[in-house]
Amino acid sequence: MVQYYWNPAFQQQQQQMMPPQVTLPSGRPPATGEQSYIENILRLNRGKPGVFHFSFEHAVEAGKNTIAVQGRVEAAGRDHVILSEIGTNKRYLFPMIYFDYAEFNEELNYFNQNPLG
């Protein structure tokens, strides 16, 4: 809604809706950057072998509503992941809504957990 005239009640309402500023104990604002969403974690571990599990609400064949792909992440976006299957180099593009979990046999790269830098 666009206000074309001054309205003190509207201005006060807008000020109440603004989120508070966040500062760390050091007085610095928090660092901005990647956040720990699944697609960002998959990107950090691009190329590592793993088993990626997906399930689908509507299966083409009864009882076949899951798939496990043994492969590597090639790319990951907000709503999708691209996998290459180990051994066949077959490529898959899966919407993230079907992603259940992934298994890795090695340590994963993750974001710095130290909030002070």
PDB file of N, CA and C in Angstrom:
ATOM      1  N   MET A   1       0.856  -1.176   0.000  1.00  0.00           N
ATOM      2  CA  MET A   1       0.000   0.000   0.000  1.00  0.00           C
ATOM      3  C   MET A   1       0.895   1.229   0.000  1.00  0.00           C
ATOM      4  N   VAL A   2       0.647   2.147  -0.887  1.00  0.00           N
ATOM      5  CA  VAL A   2       1.441   3.374  -0.984  1.00  0.00           C
ATOM      6  C   VAL A   2       0.680   4.502  -0.310  1.00  0.00           C
ATOM      7  N   GLN A   3       1.366   5.193   0.600  1.00  0.00           N
ATOM      8  CA  GLN A   3       0.755   6.332   1.279  1.00  0.00           C
ATOM      9  C   GLN A   3       1.127   7.606   0.534  1.00  0.00           C
ATOM     10  N   TYR A   4       0.126   8.363   0.132  1.00  0.00           N
ATOM     11  CA  TYR A   4       0.368   9.610  -0.587  1.00  0.00           C
ATOM     12  C   TYR A   4       0.249  10.823   0.324  1.00  0.00           C
ATOM     13  N   TYR A   5      -0.047  10.610   1.563  1.00  0.00           N
ATOM     14  CA  TYR A   5      -0.144  11.698   2.518  1.00  0.00           C
ATOM     15  C   TYR A   5       0.460  11.250   3.833  1.00  0.00           C
ATOM     16  N   TRP A   6       0.840  12.194   4.653  1.00  0.00           N
ATOM     17  CA  TRP A   6       1.489  11.882   5.911  1.00  0.00           C
ATOM     18  C   TRP A   6       0.473  11.353   6.901  1.00  0.00           C
ATOM     19  N   ASN A   7       0.811  10.235   7.522  1.00  0.00           N
ATOM     20  CA  ASN A   7      -0.083   9.611   8.485  1.00  0.00           C
ATOM     21  C   ASN A   7       0.777   9.095   9.633  1.00  0.00           C
ATOM     22  N   PRO A   8       0.785   9.772  10.792  1.00  0.00           N
ATOM     23  CA  PRO A   8       1.664   9.344  11.892  1.00  0.00           C
ATOM     24  C   PRO A   8       1.365   7.935  12.380  1.00  0.00           C
ATOM     25  N   ALA A   9       0.133   7.492  12.361  1.00  0.00           N
ATOM     26  CA  ALA A   9      -0.203   6.141  12.807  1.00  0.00           C
ATOM     27  C   ALA A   9       0.420   5.106  11.862  1.00  0.00           C
ATOM     28  N   PHE A  10       0.419   5.398  10.570  1.00  0.00           N
ATOM     29  CA  PHE A  10       1.011   4.487   9.590  1.00  0.00           C
ATOM     30  C   PHE A  10       2.521   4.409   9.779  1.00  0.00           C
ATOM     31  N   GLN A  11       3.166   5.549  10.000  1.00  0.00           N
ATOM     32  CA  GLN A  11       4.619   5.556  10.212  1.00  0.00           C
ATOM     33  C   GLN A  11       4.990   4.766  11.464  1.00  0.00           C
ATOM     34  N   GLN A  12       4.217   4.898  12.532  1.00  0.00           N
ATOM     35  CA  GLN A  12       4.487   4.169  13.759  1.00  0.00           C
ATOM     36  C   GLN A  12       4.309   2.673  13.527  1.00  0.00           C
ATOM     37  N   GLN A  13       3.295   2.301  12.768  1.00  0.00           N
ATOM     38  CA  GLN A  13       3.055   0.889  12.450  1.00  0.00           C
ATOM     39  C   GLN A  13       4.223   0.320  11.635  1.00  0.00           C
ATOM     40  N   GLN A  14       4.761   1.077  10.696  1.00  0.00           N
ATOM     41  CA  GLN A  14       5.889   0.633   9.878  1.00  0.00           C
ATOM     42  C   GLN A  14       7.131   0.428  10.739  1.00  0.00           C
ATOM     43  N   GLN A  15       7.367   1.305  11.709  1.00  0.00           N
ATOM     44  CA  GLN A  15       8.524   1.187  12.577  1.00  0.00           C
ATOM     45  C   GLN A  15       8.429  -0.061  13.452  1.00  0.00           C
ATOM     46  N   GLN A  16       7.218  -0.427  13.872  1.00  0.00           N
ATOM     47  CA  GLN A  16       7.031  -1.609  14.701  1.00  0.00           C
ATOM     48  C   GLN A  16       7.252  -2.888  13.896  1.00  0.00           C
ATOM     49  N   MET A  17       7.054  -2.861  12.586  1.00  0.00           N
ATOM     50  CA  MET A  17       7.186  -4.035  11.745  1.00  0.00           C
ATOM     51  C   MET A  17       8.637  -4.326  11.370  1.00  0.00           C
ATOM     52  N   MET A  18       9.543  -3.366  11.530  1.00  0.00           N
ATOM     53  CA  MET A  18      10.934  -3.572  11.140  1.00  0.00           C
ATOM     54  C   MET A  18      11.616  -4.497  12.141  1.00  0.00           C
ATOM     55  N   PRO A  19      12.372  -5.510  11.651  1.00  0.00           N
ATOM     56  CA  PRO A  19      13.061  -6.413  12.577  1.00  0.00           C
ATOM     57  C   PRO A  19      14.190  -5.695  13.292  1.00  0.00           C
ATOM     58  N   PRO A  20      14.506  -6.127  14.516  1.00  0.00           N
ATOM     59  CA  PRO A  20      15.594  -5.483  15.254  1.00  0.00           C
ATOM     60  C   PRO A  20      16.941  -5.798  14.620  1.00  0.00           C
ATOM     61  N   GLN A  21      17.898  -4.904  14.772  1.00  0.00           N
ATOM     62  CA  GLN A  21      19.244  -5.124  14.262  1.00  0.00           C
ATOM     63  C   GLN A  21      19.951  -6.138  15.155  1.00  0.00           C
ATOM     64  N   VAL A  22      20.689  -7.039  14.541  1.00  0.00           N
ATOM     65  CA  VAL A  22      21.400  -8.075  15.283  1.00  0.00           C
ATOM     66  C   VAL A  22      22.870  -7.704  15.365  1.00  0.00           C
ATOM     67  N   THR A  23      23.427  -7.811  16.567  1.00  0.00           N
ATOM     68  CA  THR A  23      24.863  -7.600  16.734  1.00  0.00           C
ATOM     69  C   THR A  23      25.417  -8.743  17.567  1.00  0.00           C
ATOM     70  N   LEU A  24      26.657  -9.067  17.335  1.00  0.00           N
ATOM     71  CA  LEU A  24      27.344 -10.108  18.089  1.00  0.00           C
ATOM     72  C   LEU A  24      27.880  -9.515  19.388  1.00  0.00           C
ATOM     73  N   PRO A  25      28.272 -10.370  20.347  1.00  0.00           N
ATOM     74  CA  PRO A  25      28.822  -9.845  21.605  1.00  0.00           C
ATOM     75  C   PRO A  25      30.011  -8.906  21.385  1.00  0.00           C
ATOM     76  N   SER A  26      30.719  -9.078  20.280  1.00  0.00           N
ATOM     77  CA  SER A  26      31.863  -8.210  20.001  1.00  0.00           C
ATOM     78  C   SER A  26      31.427  -6.823  19.534  1.00  0.00           C
ATOM     79  N   GLY A  27      30.125  -6.659  19.280  1.00  0.00           N
ATOM     80  CA  GLY A  27      29.622  -5.386  18.789  1.00  0.00           C
ATOM     81  C   GLY A  27      29.584  -5.306  17.277  1.00  0.00           C
ATOM     82  N   ARG A  28      30.103  -6.343  16.602  1.00  0.00           N
ATOM     83  CA  ARG A  28      30.100  -6.360  15.137  1.00  0.00           C
ATOM     84  C   ARG A  28      28.797  -6.961  14.633  1.00  0.00           C
ATOM     85  N   PRO A  29      28.315  -6.534  13.476  1.00  0.00           N
ATOM     86  CA  PRO A  29      27.152  -7.202  12.887  1.00  0.00           C
ATOM     87  C   PRO A  29      27.572  -8.589  12.414  1.00  0.00           C
ATOM     88  N   PRO A  30      26.630  -9.546  12.333  1.00  0.00           N
ATOM     89  CA  PRO A  30      26.992 -10.882  11.898  1.00  0.00           C
ATOM     90  C   PRO A  30      27.487 -10.881  10.458  1.00  0.00           C
ATOM     91  N   ALA A  31      28.398 -11.794  10.156  1.00  0.00           N
ATOM     92  CA  ALA A  31      28.933 -11.907   8.797  1.00  0.00           C
ATOM     93  C   ALA A  31      27.838 -12.421   7.872  1.00  0.00           C
ATOM     94  N   THR A  32      27.793 -11.867   6.691  1.00  0.00           N
ATOM     95  CA  THR A  32      26.837 -12.352   5.714  1.00  0.00           C
ATOM     96  C   THR A  32      27.561 -13.283   4.767  1.00  0.00           C
ATOM     97  N   GLY A  33      26.838 -14.174   4.164  1.00  0.00           N
ATOM     98  CA  GLY A  33      27.443 -15.130   3.256  1.00  0.00           C
ATOM     99  C   GLY A  33      26.540 -16.334   3.127  1.00  0.00           C
ATOM    100  N   GLU A  34      27.151 -17.452   2.778  1.00  0.00           N
ATOM    101  CA  GLU A  34      26.385 -18.675   2.618  1.00  0.00           C
ATOM    102  C   GLU A  34      25.711 -19.052   3.936  1.00  0.00           C
ATOM    103  N   GLN A  35      24.535 -19.625   3.834  1.00  0.00           N
ATOM    104  CA  GLN A  35      23.824 -20.117   4.998  1.00  0.00           C
ATOM    105  C   GLN A  35      23.707 -21.625   4.892  1.00  0.00           C
ATOM    106  N   SER A  36      23.430 -22.285   6.004  1.00  0.00           N
ATOM    107  CA  SER A  36      23.458 -23.742   6.007  1.00  0.00           C
ATOM    108  C   SER A  36      22.165 -24.359   5.483  1.00  0.00           C
ATOM    109  N   TYR A  37      21.775 -23.992   4.303  1.00  0.00           N
ATOM    110  CA  TYR A  37      20.685 -24.663   3.607  1.00  0.00           C
ATOM    111  C   TYR A  37      21.266 -25.869   2.882  1.00  0.00           C
ATOM    112  N   ILE A  38      20.433 -26.883   2.649  1.00  0.00           N
ATOM    113  CA  ILE A  38      20.909 -28.122   2.046  1.00  0.00           C
ATOM    114  C   ILE A  38      21.625 -27.880   0.722  1.00  0.00           C
ATOM    115  N   GLU A  39      21.073 -27.040  -0.130  1.00  0.00           N
ATOM    116  CA  GLU A  39      21.713 -26.835  -1.438  1.00  0.00           C
ATOM    117  C   GLU A  39      23.101 -26.216  -1.302  1.00  0.00           C
ATOM    118  N   ASN A  40      23.294 -25.362  -0.298  1.00  0.00           N
ATOM    119  CA  ASN A  40      24.614 -24.768  -0.068  1.00  0.00           C
ATOM    120  C   ASN A  40      25.600 -25.809   0.464  1.00  0.00           C
ATOM    121  N   ILE A  41      25.131 -26.695   1.330  1.00  0.00           N
ATOM    122  CA  ILE A  41      25.989 -27.759   1.849  1.00  0.00           C
ATOM    123  C   ILE A  41      26.374 -28.711   0.724  1.00  0.00           C
ATOM    124  N   LEU A  42      25.435 -29.036  -0.153  1.00  0.00           N
ATOM    125  CA  LEU A  42      25.753 -29.899  -1.293  1.00  0.00           C
ATOM    126  C   LEU A  42      26.792 -29.234  -2.196  1.00  0.00           C
ATOM    127  N   ARG A  43      26.663 -27.929  -2.413  1.00  0.00           N
ATOM    128  CA  ARG A  43      27.650 -27.218  -3.244  1.00  0.00           C
ATOM    129  C   ARG A  43      29.036 -27.250  -2.620  1.00  0.00           C
ATOM    130  N   LEU A  44      29.104 -27.116  -1.299  1.00  0.00           N
ATOM    131  CA  LEU A  44      30.397 -27.164  -0.616  1.00  0.00           C
ATOM    132  C   LEU A  44      31.074 -28.522  -0.785  1.00  0.00           C
ATOM    133  N   ASN A  45      30.290 -29.567  -1.036  1.00  0.00           N
ATOM    134  CA  ASN A  45      30.815 -30.923  -1.137  1.00  0.00           C
ATOM    135  C   ASN A  45      30.699 -31.467  -2.556  1.00  0.00           C
ATOM    136  N   ARG A  46      30.679 -30.560  -3.512  1.00  0.00           N
ATOM    137  CA  ARG A  46      30.607 -30.934  -4.925  1.00  0.00           C
ATOM    138  C   ARG A  46      31.744 -31.892  -5.265  1.00  0.00           C
ATOM    139  N   GLY A  47      31.402 -32.986  -5.971  1.00  0.00           N
ATOM    140  CA  GLY A  47      32.406 -33.945  -6.419  1.00  0.00           C
ATOM    141  C   GLY A  47      32.670 -35.088  -5.462  1.00  0.00           C
ATOM    142  N   LYS A  48      32.221 -34.997  -4.208  1.00  0.00           N
ATOM    143  CA  LYS A  48      32.434 -36.088  -3.252  1.00  0.00           C
ATOM    144  C   LYS A  48      31.431 -37.206  -3.528  1.00  0.00           C
ATOM    145  N   PRO A  49      31.884 -38.452  -3.499  1.00  0.00           N
ATOM    146  CA  PRO A  49      30.954 -39.560  -3.740  1.00  0.00           C
ATOM    147  C   PRO A  49      30.006 -39.754  -2.560  1.00  0.00           C
ATOM    148  N   GLY A  50      28.773 -40.084  -2.868  1.00  0.00           N
ATOM    149  CA  GLY A  50      27.774 -40.314  -1.836  1.00  0.00           C
ATOM    150  C   GLY A  50      26.590 -41.057  -2.398  1.00  0.00           C
ATOM    151  N   VAL A  51      25.670 -41.395  -1.525  1.00  0.00           N
ATOM    152  CA  VAL A  51      24.413 -42.015  -1.927  1.00  0.00           C
ATOM    153  C   VAL A  51      23.318 -41.010  -1.593  1.00  0.00           C
ATOM    154  N   PHE A  52      22.533 -40.653  -2.583  1.00  0.00           N
ATOM    155  CA  PHE A  52      21.515 -39.617  -2.459  1.00  0.00           C
ATOM    156  C   PHE A  52      20.138 -40.264  -2.566  1.00  0.00           C
ATOM    157  N   HIS A  53      19.313 -40.044  -1.555  1.00  0.00           N
ATOM    158  CA  HIS A  53      18.014 -40.703  -1.465  1.00  0.00           C
ATOM    159  C   HIS A  53      16.889 -39.710  -1.771  1.00  0.00           C
ATOM    160  N   PHE A  54      15.966 -40.148  -2.604  1.00  0.00           N
ATOM    161  CA  PHE A  54      14.824 -39.342  -3.003  1.00  0.00           C
ATOM    162  C   PHE A  54      13.561 -40.182  -2.893  1.00  0.00           C
ATOM    163  N   SER A  55      12.442 -39.555  -2.578  1.00  0.00           N
ATOM    164  CA  SER A  55      11.162 -40.258  -2.579  1.00  0.00           C
ATOM    165  C   SER A  55      10.124 -39.373  -3.256  1.00  0.00           C
ATOM    166  N   PHE A  56       9.167 -40.049  -3.876  1.00  0.00           N
ATOM    167  CA  PHE A  56       8.161 -39.367  -4.685  1.00  0.00           C
ATOM    168  C   PHE A  56       6.780 -39.774  -4.193  1.00  0.00           C
ATOM    169  N   GLU A  57       5.904 -38.810  -4.074  1.00  0.00           N
ATOM    170  CA  GLU A  57       4.550 -39.083  -3.595  1.00  0.00           C
ATOM    171  C   GLU A  57       3.786 -39.958  -4.584  1.00  0.00           C
ATOM    172  N   HIS A  58       3.933 -39.683  -5.862  1.00  0.00           N
ATOM    173  CA  HIS A  58       3.201 -40.426  -6.884  1.00  0.00           C
ATOM    174  C   HIS A  58       4.186 -41.239  -7.709  1.00  0.00           C
ATOM    175  N   ALA A  59       4.142 -42.552  -7.557  1.00  0.00           N
ATOM    176  CA  ALA A  59       5.051 -43.430  -8.288  1.00  0.00           C
ATOM    177  C   ALA A  59       4.413 -43.861  -9.606  1.00  0.00           C
ATOM    178  N   VAL A  60       5.253 -44.063 -10.607  1.00  0.00           N
ATOM    179  CA  VAL A  60       4.775 -44.565 -11.894  1.00  0.00           C
ATOM    180  C   VAL A  60       4.332 -46.018 -11.730  1.00  0.00           C
ATOM    181  N   GLU A  61       5.136 -46.789 -10.991  1.00  0.00           N
ATOM    182  CA  GLU A  61       4.797 -48.176 -10.695  1.00  0.00           C
ATOM    183  C   GLU A  61       4.585 -48.302  -9.196  1.00  0.00           C
ATOM    184  N   ALA A  62       3.579 -49.073  -8.802  1.00  0.00           N
ATOM    185  CA  ALA A  62       3.287 -49.251  -7.380  1.00  0.00           C
ATOM    186  C   ALA A  62       4.512 -49.782  -6.645  1.00  0.00           C
ATOM    187  N   GLY A  63       4.813 -49.194  -5.487  1.00  0.00           N
ATOM    188  CA  GLY A  63       5.933 -49.634  -4.671  1.00  0.00           C
ATOM    189  C   GLY A  63       7.283 -49.108  -5.119  1.00  0.00           C
ATOM    190  N   LYS A  64       7.323 -48.301  -6.137  1.00  0.00           N
ATOM    191  CA  LYS A  64       8.598 -47.759  -6.626  1.00  0.00           C
ATOM    192  C   LYS A  64       8.601 -46.243  -6.515  1.00  0.00           C
ATOM    193  N   ASN A  65       8.410 -45.778  -5.296  1.00  0.00           N
ATOM    194  CA  ASN A  65       8.370 -44.329  -5.103  1.00  0.00           C
ATOM    195  C   ASN A  65       9.654 -43.784  -4.481  1.00  0.00           C
ATOM    196  N   THR A  66      10.718 -44.608  -4.423  1.00  0.00           N
ATOM    197  CA  THR A  66      12.002 -44.129  -3.914  1.00  0.00           C
ATOM    198  C   THR A  66      13.110 -44.482  -4.893  1.00  0.00           C
ATOM    199  N   ILE A  67      14.184 -43.704  -4.821  1.00  0.00           N
ATOM    200  CA  ILE A  67      15.371 -43.993  -5.621  1.00  0.00           C
ATOM    201  C   ILE A  67      16.587 -43.564  -4.815  1.00  0.00           C
ATOM    202  N   ALA A  68      17.638 -44.355  -4.918  1.00  0.00           N
ATOM    203  CA  ALA A  68      18.915 -44.017  -4.289  1.00  0.00           C
ATOM    204  C   ALA A  68      19.949 -43.979  -5.405  1.00  0.00           C
ATOM    205  N   VAL A  69      20.621 -42.846  -5.547  1.00  0.00           N
ATOM    206  CA  VAL A  69      21.614 -42.672  -6.602  1.00  0.00           C
ATOM    207  C   VAL A  69      22.992 -42.631  -5.959  1.00  0.00           C
ATOM    208  N   GLN A  70      23.871 -43.540  -6.381  1.00  0.00           N
ATOM    209  CA  GLN A  70      25.254 -43.502  -5.929  1.00  0.00           C
ATOM    210  C   GLN A  70      25.999 -42.640  -6.924  1.00  0.00           C
ATOM    211  N   GLY A  71      26.366 -41.441  -6.495  1.00  0.00           N
ATOM    212  CA  GLY A  71      26.969 -40.510  -7.437  1.00  0.00           C
ATOM    213  C   GLY A  71      27.659 -39.350  -6.766  1.00  0.00           C
ATOM    214  N   ARG A  72      27.817 -38.297  -7.544  1.00  0.00           N
ATOM    215  CA  ARG A  72      28.491 -37.077  -7.092  1.00  0.00           C
ATOM    216  C   ARG A  72      27.630 -35.877  -7.461  1.00  0.00           C
ATOM    217  N   VAL A  73      27.667 -34.857  -6.605  1.00  0.00           N
ATOM    218  CA  VAL A  73      26.954 -33.609  -6.900  1.00  0.00           C
ATOM    219  C   VAL A  73      27.744 -32.850  -7.959  1.00  0.00           C
ATOM    220  N   GLU A  74      27.085 -32.508  -9.034  1.00  0.00           N
ATOM    221  CA  GLU A  74      27.699 -31.636 -10.042  1.00  0.00           C
ATOM    222  C   GLU A  74      27.332 -30.189  -9.772  1.00  0.00           C
ATOM    223  N   ALA A  75      26.071 -29.978  -9.392  1.00  0.00           N
ATOM    224  CA  ALA A  75      25.591 -28.620  -9.112  1.00  0.00           C
ATOM    225  C   ALA A  75      24.361 -28.721  -8.223  1.00  0.00           C
ATOM    226  N   ALA A  76      24.103 -27.666  -7.478  1.00  0.00           N
ATOM    227  CA  ALA A  76      22.911 -27.612  -6.633  1.00  0.00           C
ATOM    228  C   ALA A  76      22.418 -26.181  -6.609  1.00  0.00           C
ATOM    229  N   GLY A  77      21.127 -26.040  -6.761  1.00  0.00           N
ATOM    230  CA  GLY A  77      20.504 -24.723  -6.711  1.00  0.00           C
ATOM    231  C   GLY A  77      19.449 -24.699  -5.634  1.00  0.00           C
ATOM    232  N   ARG A  78      18.751 -23.620  -5.558  1.00  0.00           N
ATOM    233  CA  ARG A  78      17.741 -23.449  -4.522  1.00  0.00           C
ATOM    234  C   ARG A  78      16.672 -24.543  -4.565  1.00  0.00           C
ATOM    235  N   ASP A  79      16.303 -24.978  -5.776  1.00  0.00           N
ATOM    236  CA  ASP A  79      15.218 -25.949  -5.879  1.00  0.00           C
ATOM    237  C   ASP A  79      15.599 -27.224  -6.625  1.00  0.00           C
ATOM    238  N   HIS A  80      16.872 -27.454  -6.879  1.00  0.00           N
ATOM    239  CA  HIS A  80      17.266 -28.628  -7.659  1.00  0.00           C
ATOM    240  C   HIS A  80      18.690 -29.074  -7.325  1.00  0.00           C
ATOM    241  N   VAL A  81      18.987 -30.311  -7.707  1.00  0.00           N
ATOM    242  CA  VAL A  81      20.344 -30.828  -7.598  1.00  0.00           C
ATOM    243  C   VAL A  81      20.621 -31.645  -8.863  1.00  0.00           C
ATOM    244  N   ILE A  82      21.838 -31.531  -9.379  1.00  0.00           N
ATOM    245  CA  ILE A  82      22.263 -32.310 -10.531  1.00  0.00           C
ATOM    246  C   ILE A  82      23.314 -33.300 -10.049  1.00  0.00           C
ATOM    247  N   LEU A  83      23.048 -34.593 -10.262  1.00  0.00           N
ATOM    248  CA  LEU A  83      23.942 -35.666  -9.839  1.00  0.00           C
ATOM    249  C   LEU A  83      24.470 -36.406 -11.047  1.00  0.00           C
ATOM    250  N   SER A  84      25.700 -36.895 -10.953  1.00  0.00           N
ATOM    251  CA  SER A  84      26.218 -37.819 -11.967  1.00  0.00           C
ATOM    252  C   SER A  84      26.431 -39.152 -11.266  1.00  0.00           C
ATOM    253  N   GLU A  85      25.850 -40.196 -11.828  1.00  0.00           N
ATOM    254  CA  GLU A  85      25.920 -41.522 -11.238  1.00  0.00           C
ATOM    255  C   GLU A  85      27.303 -42.120 -11.454  1.00  0.00           C
ATOM    256  N   ILE A  86      27.883 -42.675 -10.395  1.00  0.00           N
ATOM    257  CA  ILE A  86      29.208 -43.285 -10.480  1.00  0.00           C
ATOM    258  C   ILE A  86      29.110 -44.566 -11.306  1.00  0.00           C
ATOM    259  N   GLY A  87      30.032 -44.732 -12.219  1.00  0.00           N
ATOM    260  CA  GLY A  87      30.078 -45.942 -13.037  1.00  0.00           C
ATOM    261  C   GLY A  87      29.407 -45.795 -14.380  1.00  0.00           C
ATOM    262  N   THR A  88      28.301 -45.065 -14.418  1.00  0.00           N
ATOM    263  CA  THR A  88      27.571 -44.918 -15.687  1.00  0.00           C
ATOM    264  C   THR A  88      27.683 -43.517 -16.263  1.00  0.00           C
ATOM    265  N   ASN A  89      28.045 -42.557 -15.432  1.00  0.00           N
ATOM    266  CA  ASN A  89      28.048 -41.139 -15.804  1.00  0.00           C
ATOM    267  C   ASN A  89      26.678 -40.654 -16.266  1.00  0.00           C
ATOM    268  N   LYS A  90      25.640 -41.384 -15.898  1.00  0.00           N
ATOM    269  CA  LYS A  90      24.271 -40.947 -16.160  1.00  0.00           C
ATOM    270  C   LYS A  90      24.003 -39.717 -15.302  1.00  0.00           C
ATOM    271  N   ARG A  91      23.350 -38.722 -15.837  1.00  0.00           N
ATOM    272  CA  ARG A  91      23.063 -37.479 -15.113  1.00  0.00           C
ATOM    273  C   ARG A  91      21.601 -37.448 -14.690  1.00  0.00           C
ATOM    274  N   TYR A  92      21.370 -36.935 -13.484  1.00  0.00           N
ATOM    275  CA  TYR A  92      20.022 -36.782 -12.947  1.00  0.00           C
ATOM    276  C   TYR A  92      19.818 -35.329 -12.548  1.00  0.00           C
ATOM    277  N   LEU A  93      18.638 -34.834 -12.810  1.00  0.00           N
ATOM    278  CA  LEU A  93      18.217 -33.519 -12.326  1.00  0.00           C
ATOM    279  C   LEU A  93      16.999 -33.772 -11.446  1.00  0.00           C
ATOM    280  N   PHE A  94      17.161 -33.564 -10.152  1.00  0.00           N
ATOM    281  CA  PHE A  94      16.067 -33.800  -9.206  1.00  0.00           C
ATOM    282  C   PHE A  94      15.621 -32.490  -8.583  1.00  0.00           C
ATOM    283  N   PRO A  95      14.315 -32.270  -8.491  1.00  0.00           N
ATOM    284  CA  PRO A  95      13.827 -31.149  -7.679  1.00  0.00           C
ATOM    285  C   PRO A  95      14.131 -31.445  -6.204  1.00  0.00           C
ATOM    286  N   MET A  96      14.542 -30.444  -5.447  1.00  0.00           N
ATOM    287  CA  MET A  96      14.908 -30.632  -4.042  1.00  0.00           C
ATOM    288  C   MET A  96      13.726 -31.080  -3.183  1.00  0.00           C
ATOM    289  N   ILE A  97      12.494 -30.854  -3.630  1.00  0.00           N
ATOM    290  CA  ILE A  97      11.345 -31.272  -2.820  1.00  0.00           C
ATOM    291  C   ILE A  97      11.305 -32.787  -2.646  1.00  0.00           C
ATOM    292  N   TYR A  98      11.993 -33.530  -3.518  1.00  0.00           N
ATOM    293  CA  TYR A  98      12.019 -34.986  -3.420  1.00  0.00           C
ATOM    294  C   TYR A  98      13.234 -35.502  -2.651  1.00  0.00           C
ATOM    295  N   PHE A  99      14.164 -34.633  -2.291  1.00  0.00           N
ATOM    296  CA  PHE A  99      15.379 -35.038  -1.591  1.00  0.00           C
ATOM    297  C   PHE A  99      15.050 -35.441  -0.160  1.00  0.00           C
ATOM    298  N   ASP A 100      15.548 -36.622   0.261  1.00  0.00           N
ATOM    299  CA  ASP A 100      15.357 -37.071   1.638  1.00  0.00           C
ATOM    300  C   ASP A 100      16.632 -36.880   2.452  1.00  0.00           C
ATOM    301  N   TYR A 101      17.719 -37.522   2.010  1.00  0.00           N
ATOM    302  CA  TYR A 101      18.987 -37.388   2.722  1.00  0.00           C
ATOM    303  C   TYR A 101      20.108 -37.923   1.849  1.00  0.00           C
ATOM    304  N   ALA A 102      21.343 -37.694   2.306  1.00  0.00           N
ATOM    305  CA  ALA A 102      22.525 -38.177   1.589  1.00  0.00           C
ATOM    306  C   ALA A 102      23.454 -38.864   2.582  1.00  0.00           C
ATOM    307  N   GLU A 103      24.186 -39.853   2.078  1.00  0.00           N
ATOM    308  CA  GLU A 103      25.180 -40.563   2.880  1.00  0.00           C
ATOM    309  C   GLU A 103      26.545 -40.360   2.244  1.00  0.00           C
ATOM    310  N   PHE A 104      27.535 -40.046   3.063  1.00  0.00           N
ATOM    311  CA  PHE A 104      28.908 -39.881   2.597  1.00  0.00           C
ATOM    312  C   PHE A 104      29.815 -40.735   3.475  1.00  0.00           C
ATOM    313  N   ASN A 105      30.865 -41.279   2.892  1.00  0.00           N
ATOM    314  CA  ASN A 105      31.827 -42.079   3.651  1.00  0.00           C
ATOM    315  C   ASN A 105      33.061 -41.283   4.030  1.00  0.00           C
ATOM    316  N   GLU A 106      32.991 -39.995   3.933  1.00  0.00           N
ATOM    317  CA  GLU A 106      34.115 -39.141   4.312  1.00  0.00           C
ATOM    318  C   GLU A 106      33.590 -37.880   4.971  1.00  0.00           C
ATOM    319  N   GLU A 107      34.492 -37.154   5.585  1.00  0.00           N
ATOM    320  CA  GLU A 107      34.118 -35.921   6.263  1.00  0.00           C
ATOM    321  C   GLU A 107      33.575 -34.918   5.249  1.00  0.00           C
ATOM    322  N   LEU A 108      32.560 -34.161   5.665  1.00  0.00           N
ATOM    323  CA  LEU A 108      31.949 -33.160   4.796  1.00  0.00           C
ATOM    324  C   LEU A 108      32.502 -31.776   5.075  1.00  0.00           C
ATOM    325  N   ASN A 109      32.552 -30.976   4.047  1.00  0.00           N
ATOM    326  CA  ASN A 109      32.863 -29.556   4.219  1.00  0.00           C
ATOM    327  C   ASN A 109      31.604 -28.880   4.734  1.00  0.00           C
ATOM    328  N   TYR A 110      31.787 -27.955   5.680  1.00  0.00           N
ATOM    329  CA  TYR A 110      30.652 -27.243   6.248  1.00  0.00           C
ATOM    330  C   TYR A 110      31.074 -25.813   6.526  1.00  0.00           C
ATOM    331  N   PHE A 111      30.159 -25.002   6.928  1.00  0.00           N
ATOM    332  CA  PHE A 111      30.439 -23.588   7.162  1.00  0.00           C
ATOM    333  C   PHE A 111      31.162 -23.391   8.475  1.00  0.00           C
ATOM    334  N   ASN A 112      31.918 -22.326   8.583  1.00  0.00           N
ATOM    335  CA  ASN A 112      32.609 -21.967   9.816  1.00  0.00           C
ATOM    336  C   ASN A 112      31.574 -21.786  10.919  1.00  0.00           C
ATOM    337  N   GLN A 113      31.711 -22.518  11.986  1.00  0.00           N
ATOM    338  CA  GLN A 113      30.745 -22.468  13.095  1.00  0.00           C
ATOM    339  C   GLN A 113      31.147 -21.474  14.172  1.00  0.00           C
ATOM    340  N   ASN A 114      32.265 -20.785  14.002  1.00  0.00           N
ATOM    341  CA  ASN A 114      32.715 -19.794  14.968  1.00  0.00           C
ATOM    342  C   ASN A 114      32.041 -18.464  14.637  1.00  0.00           C
ATOM    343  N   PRO A 115      31.047 -18.026  15.433  1.00  0.00           N
ATOM    344  CA  PRO A 115      30.310 -16.798  15.100  1.00  0.00           C
ATOM    345  C   PRO A 115      31.153 -15.528  15.172  1.00  0.00           C
ATOM    346  N   LEU A 116      32.303 -15.594  15.791  1.00  0.00           N
ATOM    347  CA  LEU A 116      33.125 -14.389  15.914  1.00  0.00           C
ATOM    348  C   LEU A 116      34.177 -14.306  14.820  1.00  0.00           C
ATOM    349  N   GLY A 117      34.122 -15.184  13.832  1.00  0.00           N
ATOM    350  CA  GLY A 117      35.026 -15.087  12.710  1.00  0.00           C
ATOM    351  C   GLY A 117      36.058 -16.119  12.712  1.00  0.00           C
TER     352      GLY A 117
END
